[in-house]
Amino acid sequence: MAVFKKERKMKVYAQSGYRYKDTATIILKGAWLETLGFEPGTPIRVECDGGKLVITRADEQMK
């Protein structure tokens, strides 16, 4: 069994957006998401703060 990675390195891609202008795009995929409880169809919430993105399940109550 592979060791779970707490940190992952990725990059921001460009994808065609409004009027074909490049728009920043982040792609997250992999079995590790399901290991963390993010199965397909799970609603998420993204908080933006000081250069950080925090992704949480939207169906979980704040603790």
C-alpha atoms as a PDB file:
ATOM      1  CA  MET A   1       0.000   0.000   0.000  1.00  0.00           C
ATOM      2  CA  ALA A   2       1.328   3.439  -0.956  1.00  0.00           C
ATOM      3  CA  VAL A   3       2.012   6.094   1.656  1.00  0.00           C
ATOM      4  CA  PHE A   4      -0.589   8.886   1.665  1.00  0.00           C
ATOM      5  CA  LYS A   5       0.882  12.227   0.548  1.00  0.00           C
ATOM      6  CA  LYS A   6      -0.250  15.177   2.678  1.00  0.00           C
ATOM      7  CA  GLU A   7       1.066  17.689   0.134  1.00  0.00           C
ATOM      8  CA  ARG A   8       0.747  17.573  -3.654  1.00  0.00           C
ATOM      9  CA  LYS A   9       2.398  19.814  -6.224  1.00  0.00           C
ATOM     10  CA  MET A  10       0.306  20.895  -9.192  1.00  0.00           C
ATOM     11  CA  LYS A  11       0.096  23.827 -11.546  1.00  0.00           C
ATOM     12  CA  VAL A  12      -2.526  26.273 -12.756  1.00  0.00           C
ATOM     13  CA  TYR A  13      -3.430  25.750 -16.404  1.00  0.00           C
ATOM     14  CA  ALA A  14      -4.987  28.084 -18.955  1.00  0.00           C
ATOM     15  CA  GLN A  15      -8.282  27.109 -20.573  1.00  0.00           C
ATOM     16  CA  SER A  16     -10.457  28.937 -23.051  1.00  0.00           C
ATOM     17  CA  GLY A  17     -13.048  31.024 -21.228  1.00  0.00           C
ATOM     18  CA  TYR A  18     -15.316  33.966 -21.982  1.00  0.00           C
ATOM     19  CA  ARG A  19     -14.776  35.161 -25.566  1.00  0.00           C
ATOM     20  CA  TYR A  20     -11.992  32.573 -25.911  1.00  0.00           C
ATOM     21  CA  LYS A  21      -9.766  34.453 -23.459  1.00  0.00           C
ATOM     22  CA  ASP A  22      -7.474  32.178 -21.428  1.00  0.00           C
ATOM     23  CA  THR A  23      -8.821  31.616 -17.921  1.00  0.00           C
ATOM     24  CA  ALA A  24      -6.896  30.137 -14.989  1.00  0.00           C
ATOM     25  CA  THR A  25      -7.942  26.515 -14.381  1.00  0.00           C
ATOM     26  CA  ILE A  26      -7.050  24.098 -11.574  1.00  0.00           C
ATOM     27  CA  ILE A  27      -7.648  20.372 -12.131  1.00  0.00           C
ATOM     28  CA  LEU A  28      -7.821  18.060  -9.119  1.00  0.00           C
ATOM     29  CA  LYS A  29      -8.247  14.355  -9.808  1.00  0.00           C
ATOM     30  CA  GLY A  30      -7.203  11.049  -8.361  1.00  0.00           C
ATOM     31  CA  ALA A  31      -8.216   8.283  -5.973  1.00  0.00           C
ATOM     32  CA  TRP A  32      -6.740  10.342  -3.124  1.00  0.00           C
ATOM     33  CA  LEU A  33      -9.744  12.695  -3.327  1.00  0.00           C
ATOM     34  CA  GLU A  34     -12.119   9.825  -2.538  1.00  0.00           C
ATOM     35  CA  THR A  35      -9.822   8.735   0.296  1.00  0.00           C
ATOM     36  CA  LEU A  36     -10.413  12.207   1.783  1.00  0.00           C
ATOM     37  CA  GLY A  37     -14.198  11.942   1.353  1.00  0.00           C
ATOM     38  CA  PHE A  38     -14.592  13.854  -1.923  1.00  0.00           C
ATOM     39  CA  GLU A  39     -16.506  11.306  -4.007  1.00  0.00           C
ATOM     40  CA  PRO A  40     -17.924  12.322  -7.399  1.00  0.00           C
ATOM     41  CA  GLY A  41     -20.998  14.502  -6.872  1.00  0.00           C
ATOM     42  CA  THR A  42     -19.882  15.809  -3.453  1.00  0.00           C
ATOM     43  CA  PRO A  43     -20.729  19.508  -3.084  1.00  0.00           C
ATOM     44  CA  ILE A  44     -17.681  21.580  -2.120  1.00  0.00           C
ATOM     45  CA  ARG A  45     -16.963  25.030  -0.736  1.00  0.00           C
ATOM     46  CA  VAL A  46     -13.823  26.992  -1.688  1.00  0.00           C
ATOM     47  CA  GLU A  47     -12.549  29.711   0.636  1.00  0.00           C
ATOM     48  CA  CYS A  48     -10.015  32.207  -0.720  1.00  0.00           C
ATOM     49  CA  ASP A  49      -7.738  33.952   1.773  1.00  0.00           C
ATOM     50  CA  GLY A  50      -4.296  35.500   1.367  1.00  0.00           C
ATOM     51  CA  GLY A  51      -3.031  33.324  -1.466  1.00  0.00           C
ATOM     52  CA  LYS A  52      -4.618  30.139  -0.109  1.00  0.00           C
ATOM     53  CA  LEU A  53      -7.543  28.085  -1.380  1.00  0.00           C
ATOM     54  CA  VAL A  54      -9.231  25.931   1.254  1.00  0.00           C
ATOM     55  CA  ILE A  55     -11.584  23.265  -0.131  1.00  0.00           C
ATOM     56  CA  THR A  56     -14.102  21.663   2.227  1.00  0.00           C
ATOM     57  CA  ARG A  57     -17.168  19.490   1.783  1.00  0.00           C
ATOM     58  CA  ALA A  58     -20.192  21.793   1.622  1.00  0.00           C
ATOM     59  CA  ASP A  59     -22.395  19.132   3.214  1.00  0.00           C
ATOM     60  CA  GLU A  60     -20.375  19.066   6.462  1.00  0.00           C
ATOM     61  CA  GLN A  61     -21.165  21.472   9.248  1.00  0.00           C
ATOM     62  CA  MET A  62     -18.502  23.804  10.546  1.00  0.00           C
ATOM     63  CA  LYS A  63     -16.829  22.540  13.708  1.00  0.00           C
END
